[in-house]
Every structure is written in C-alpha cells, then in structure tokens.
C-alpha cells in the first residue's frame, strides 16, 4: 500500500502513525510486523515522541545544527543537507503488530521526515 504526504516547509516532521494504523486495520493484520518505507533520498522516517510537538522541533533544530546549509557541498542541486539528514534518519522502520495494533511505547509515533520540501511524497507500507 502507498499513501502520500504533502509537506508545507523545507524541513518538517509529520506524524503518520494513524495512517499506518489505518493500513493495519484495512489489511486486517492481526499479528506480525509492518514495514514503513520512504522511497526518496531527501526524506526519511523515524519513531519518536509524538505527545509533545516540541520534540520534533528539537530534532529538526539539532539536525540543522549538525548539518548546516552553508558548507561547501559539491552536489549541484543544492540539497546536500537534505540527503545527509535523510541518511541520518533512515528510509524505513519495522514495527511489531499485535492484536491488530501497532506495538509502540506510550509516547511513540511514526514520523515522515521532510528535508527538501515543500513536496508531495510517497510512503509505502507492507505487512510482513
């Protein structure tokens, strides 16, 4: 299954937990695992705290400090920081499903991570 995420800024974390859970319900996945995969080189996916939106803002702030825009990058498209940040976050996550629900910690959520937006992106979800 595939769905799209539309982002509104250059760097953004979008909570996609409910969309992944919708897939589990629609496909009637009761027990096993799901993989969420982002087929883009300037976007990623991660699991982190979803209760406090300041956590996502802090992650973005720290990534911007670690990978600044103003280095002497050689990639001609001008989006080298986005490629580096997406590599740091990763392109997929694997999660357990039990009783038809994602197994996540109390505060955890699944985030699509945009580093070269705004764009409309694809997210793929597969039951394993």
C-alpha atoms as a PDB file:
ATOM      1  CA  UNK A   1       0.000   0.000   0.000  1.00  0.00           C
ATOM      2  CA  UNK A   2       1.130   3.525  -0.672  1.00  0.00           C
ATOM      3  CA  UNK A   3      -0.085   6.906   0.514  1.00  0.00           C
ATOM      4  CA  UNK A   4       1.128  10.457   0.027  1.00  0.00           C
ATOM      5  CA  UNK A   5       2.255  13.093   2.481  1.00  0.00           C
ATOM      6  CA  UNK A   6       2.179  16.757   1.484  1.00  0.00           C
ATOM      7  CA  UNK A   7       4.613  18.955   3.368  1.00  0.00           C
ATOM      8  CA  UNK A   8       4.487  22.710   3.758  1.00  0.00           C
ATOM      9  CA  UNK A   9       8.059  23.633   4.655  1.00  0.00           C
ATOM     10  CA  UNK A  10      11.648  22.753   3.761  1.00  0.00           C
ATOM     11  CA  UNK A  11      12.162  20.664   6.899  1.00  0.00           C
ATOM     12  CA  UNK A  12       9.224  19.102   8.680  1.00  0.00           C
ATOM     13  CA  UNK A  13       8.246  16.028  10.691  1.00  0.00           C
ATOM     14  CA  UNK A  14       4.735  14.744  10.005  1.00  0.00           C
ATOM     15  CA  UNK A  15       3.080  12.216  12.345  1.00  0.00           C
ATOM     16  CA  UNK A  16       1.843   9.350  10.139  1.00  0.00           C
ATOM     17  CA  UNK A  17       1.013   6.886  12.936  1.00  0.00           C
ATOM     18  CA  UNK A  18      -2.736   6.928  12.271  1.00  0.00           C
ATOM     19  CA  UNK A  19      -2.209   6.301   8.548  1.00  0.00           C
ATOM     20  CA  UNK A  20      -0.040   3.275   9.299  1.00  0.00           C
ATOM     21  CA  UNK A  21      -2.650   2.033  11.769  1.00  0.00           C
ATOM     22  CA  UNK A  22      -5.337   2.527   9.078  1.00  0.00           C
ATOM     23  CA  UNK A  23      -3.337   0.216   6.800  1.00  0.00           C
ATOM     24  CA  UNK A  24      -3.174  -2.429   9.537  1.00  0.00           C
ATOM     25  CA  UNK A  25      -6.955  -2.229  10.013  1.00  0.00           C
ATOM     26  CA  UNK A  26      -7.737  -2.220   6.261  1.00  0.00           C
ATOM     27  CA  UNK A  27      -5.451  -5.191   5.596  1.00  0.00           C
ATOM     28  CA  UNK A  28      -6.674  -6.981   8.759  1.00  0.00           C
ATOM     29  CA  UNK A  29      -3.141  -7.515  10.039  1.00  0.00           C
ATOM     30  CA  UNK A  30      -3.571  -9.071  13.472  1.00  0.00           C
ATOM     31  CA  UNK A  31      -0.081 -10.209  14.420  1.00  0.00           C
ATOM     32  CA  UNK A  32       3.298  -9.845  12.735  1.00  0.00           C
ATOM     33  CA  UNK A  33       5.085  -6.755  11.544  1.00  0.00           C
ATOM     34  CA  UNK A  34       4.755  -3.828   9.193  1.00  0.00           C
ATOM     35  CA  UNK A  35       7.492  -2.015   7.370  1.00  0.00           C
ATOM     36  CA  UNK A  36       7.174   1.664   6.513  1.00  0.00           C
ATOM     37  CA  UNK A  37       9.465   2.718   3.664  1.00  0.00           C
ATOM     38  CA  UNK A  38      10.111   6.182   2.198  1.00  0.00           C
ATOM     39  CA  UNK A  39      11.369   5.894  -1.420  1.00  0.00           C
ATOM     40  CA  UNK A  40      13.074   9.290  -1.501  1.00  0.00           C
ATOM     41  CA  UNK A  41      16.711  10.323  -0.998  1.00  0.00           C
ATOM     42  CA  UNK A  42      15.864  13.610   0.733  1.00  0.00           C
ATOM     43  CA  UNK A  43      13.214  12.344   3.164  1.00  0.00           C
ATOM     44  CA  UNK A  44      13.126   9.698   5.850  1.00  0.00           C
ATOM     45  CA  UNK A  45      11.068   8.008   8.529  1.00  0.00           C
ATOM     46  CA  UNK A  46      11.609   7.571  12.251  1.00  0.00           C
ATOM     47  CA  UNK A  47       9.895   6.653  15.504  1.00  0.00           C
ATOM     48  CA  UNK A  48       9.965   9.180  18.320  1.00  0.00           C
ATOM     49  CA  UNK A  49       7.798  11.002  20.834  1.00  0.00           C
ATOM     50  CA  UNK A  50       4.503  12.178  19.401  1.00  0.00           C
ATOM     51  CA  UNK A  51       2.861  13.596  22.550  1.00  0.00           C
ATOM     52  CA  UNK A  52       4.840  16.847  22.644  1.00  0.00           C
ATOM     53  CA  UNK A  53       5.361  18.636  19.288  1.00  0.00           C
ATOM     54  CA  UNK A  54       8.424  20.382  20.756  1.00  0.00           C
ATOM     55  CA  UNK A  55      10.319  17.090  20.459  1.00  0.00           C
ATOM     56  CA  UNK A  56      10.001  17.118  16.653  1.00  0.00           C
ATOM     57  CA  UNK A  57      11.002  20.784  16.602  1.00  0.00           C
ATOM     58  CA  UNK A  58      14.045  19.990  18.757  1.00  0.00           C
ATOM     59  CA  UNK A  59      15.066  17.134  16.453  1.00  0.00           C
ATOM     60  CA  UNK A  60      14.849  19.437  13.432  1.00  0.00           C
ATOM     61  CA  UNK A  61      16.830  22.137  15.255  1.00  0.00           C
ATOM     62  CA  UNK A  62      19.586  19.675  16.198  1.00  0.00           C
ATOM     63  CA  UNK A  63      19.771  18.250  12.659  1.00  0.00           C
ATOM     64  CA  UNK A  64      20.070  21.782  11.266  1.00  0.00           C
ATOM     65  CA  UNK A  65      22.984  22.442  13.637  1.00  0.00           C
ATOM     66  CA  UNK A  66      24.693  19.142  12.786  1.00  0.00           C
ATOM     67  CA  UNK A  67      24.133  19.552   9.041  1.00  0.00           C
ATOM     68  CA  UNK A  68      24.153  23.273   8.221  1.00  0.00           C
ATOM     69  CA  UNK A  69      23.101  24.654   4.837  1.00  0.00           C
ATOM     70  CA  UNK A  70      26.216  26.800   4.384  1.00  0.00           C
ATOM     71  CA  UNK A  71      29.007  24.231   3.967  1.00  0.00           C
ATOM     72  CA  UNK A  72      30.961  23.812   0.730  1.00  0.00           C
ATOM     73  CA  UNK A  73      28.795  20.959  -0.616  1.00  0.00           C
ATOM     74  CA  UNK A  74      29.613  19.663  -4.104  1.00  0.00           C
ATOM     75  CA  UNK A  75      26.210  18.263  -5.076  1.00  0.00           C
ATOM     76  CA  UNK A  76      24.970  20.643  -7.777  1.00  0.00           C
ATOM     77  CA  UNK A  77      21.269  20.523  -6.881  1.00  0.00           C
ATOM     78  CA  UNK A  78      21.859  22.448  -3.656  1.00  0.00           C
ATOM     79  CA  UNK A  79      20.122  19.937  -1.422  1.00  0.00           C
ATOM     80  CA  UNK A  80      23.086  18.059   0.045  1.00  0.00           C
ATOM     81  CA  UNK A  81      21.955  18.764   3.636  1.00  0.00           C
ATOM     82  CA  UNK A  82      18.651  17.020   2.850  1.00  0.00           C
ATOM     83  CA  UNK A  83      20.477  13.921   1.566  1.00  0.00           C
ATOM     84  CA  UNK A  84      22.648  13.793   4.687  1.00  0.00           C
ATOM     85  CA  UNK A  85      19.728  14.284   7.099  1.00  0.00           C
ATOM     86  CA  UNK A  86      17.673  11.585   5.383  1.00  0.00           C
ATOM     87  CA  UNK A  87      20.624   9.183   5.709  1.00  0.00           C
ATOM     88  CA  UNK A  88      20.843  10.010   9.404  1.00  0.00           C
ATOM     89  CA  UNK A  89      17.130   9.297   9.960  1.00  0.00           C
ATOM     90  CA  UNK A  90      16.868   6.277   7.665  1.00  0.00           C
ATOM     91  CA  UNK A  91      14.460   5.275   4.930  1.00  0.00           C
ATOM     92  CA  UNK A  92      12.469   2.595   6.763  1.00  0.00           C
ATOM     93  CA  UNK A  93      11.196   1.404  10.122  1.00  0.00           C
ATOM     94  CA  UNK A  94       9.986  -2.044  11.125  1.00  0.00           C
ATOM     95  CA  UNK A  95       7.276  -2.323  13.774  1.00  0.00           C
ATOM     96  CA  UNK A  96       5.532  -5.163  15.533  1.00  0.00           C
ATOM     97  CA  UNK A  97       1.771  -5.603  15.213  1.00  0.00           C
ATOM     98  CA  UNK A  98      -0.135  -7.405  17.967  1.00  0.00           C
ATOM     99  CA  UNK A  99      -3.891  -7.797  18.216  1.00  0.00           C
ATOM    100  CA  UNK A 100      -4.372  -5.594  15.163  1.00  0.00           C
ATOM    101  CA  UNK A 101      -2.479  -2.647  16.663  1.00  0.00           C
ATOM    102  CA  UNK A 102       0.993  -1.183  16.262  1.00  0.00           C
ATOM    103  CA  UNK A 103       3.205  -2.002  19.211  1.00  0.00           C
ATOM    104  CA  UNK A 104       4.605   1.376  20.220  1.00  0.00           C
ATOM    105  CA  UNK A 105       5.689   2.849  23.518  1.00  0.00           C
ATOM    106  CA  UNK A 106       3.327   5.153  25.385  1.00  0.00           C
ATOM    107  CA  UNK A 107       4.642   8.330  23.788  1.00  0.00           C
ATOM    108  CA  UNK A 108       5.890   6.957  20.472  1.00  0.00           C
ATOM    109  CA  UNK A 109       4.658   7.815  16.998  1.00  0.00           C
ATOM    110  CA  UNK A 110       5.807   7.243  13.422  1.00  0.00           C
ATOM    111  CA  UNK A 111       7.091  10.346  11.647  1.00  0.00           C
ATOM    112  CA  UNK A 112       7.667  11.117   8.000  1.00  0.00           C
ATOM    113  CA  UNK A 113      10.720  13.411   7.890  1.00  0.00           C
ATOM    114  CA  UNK A 114      10.864  16.002   5.113  1.00  0.00           C
ATOM    115  CA  UNK A 115      14.227  17.631   4.412  1.00  0.00           C
ATOM    116  CA  UNK A 116      13.727  19.121   0.926  1.00  0.00           C
ATOM    117  CA  UNK A 117      10.190  20.444   0.865  1.00  0.00           C
ATOM    118  CA  UNK A 118       7.623  21.514   0.436  1.00  0.00           C
ATOM    119  CA  UNK A 119       6.679  18.497  -1.658  1.00  0.00           C
ATOM    120  CA  UNK A 120       4.188  15.693  -2.042  1.00  0.00           C
ATOM    121  CA  UNK A 121       5.912  12.448  -1.097  1.00  0.00           C
ATOM    122  CA  UNK A 122       5.185   8.737  -1.175  1.00  0.00           C
ATOM    123  CA  UNK A 123       5.173   6.444   1.833  1.00  0.00           C
ATOM    124  CA  UNK A 124       4.928   2.687   1.364  1.00  0.00           C
ATOM    125  CA  UNK A 125       3.622   0.275   3.996  1.00  0.00           C
ATOM    126  CA  UNK A 126       3.878  -3.509   3.788  1.00  0.00           C
ATOM    127  CA  UNK A 127       2.719  -6.262   6.115  1.00  0.00           C
ATOM    128  CA  UNK A 128       5.327  -8.897   6.909  1.00  0.00           C
END
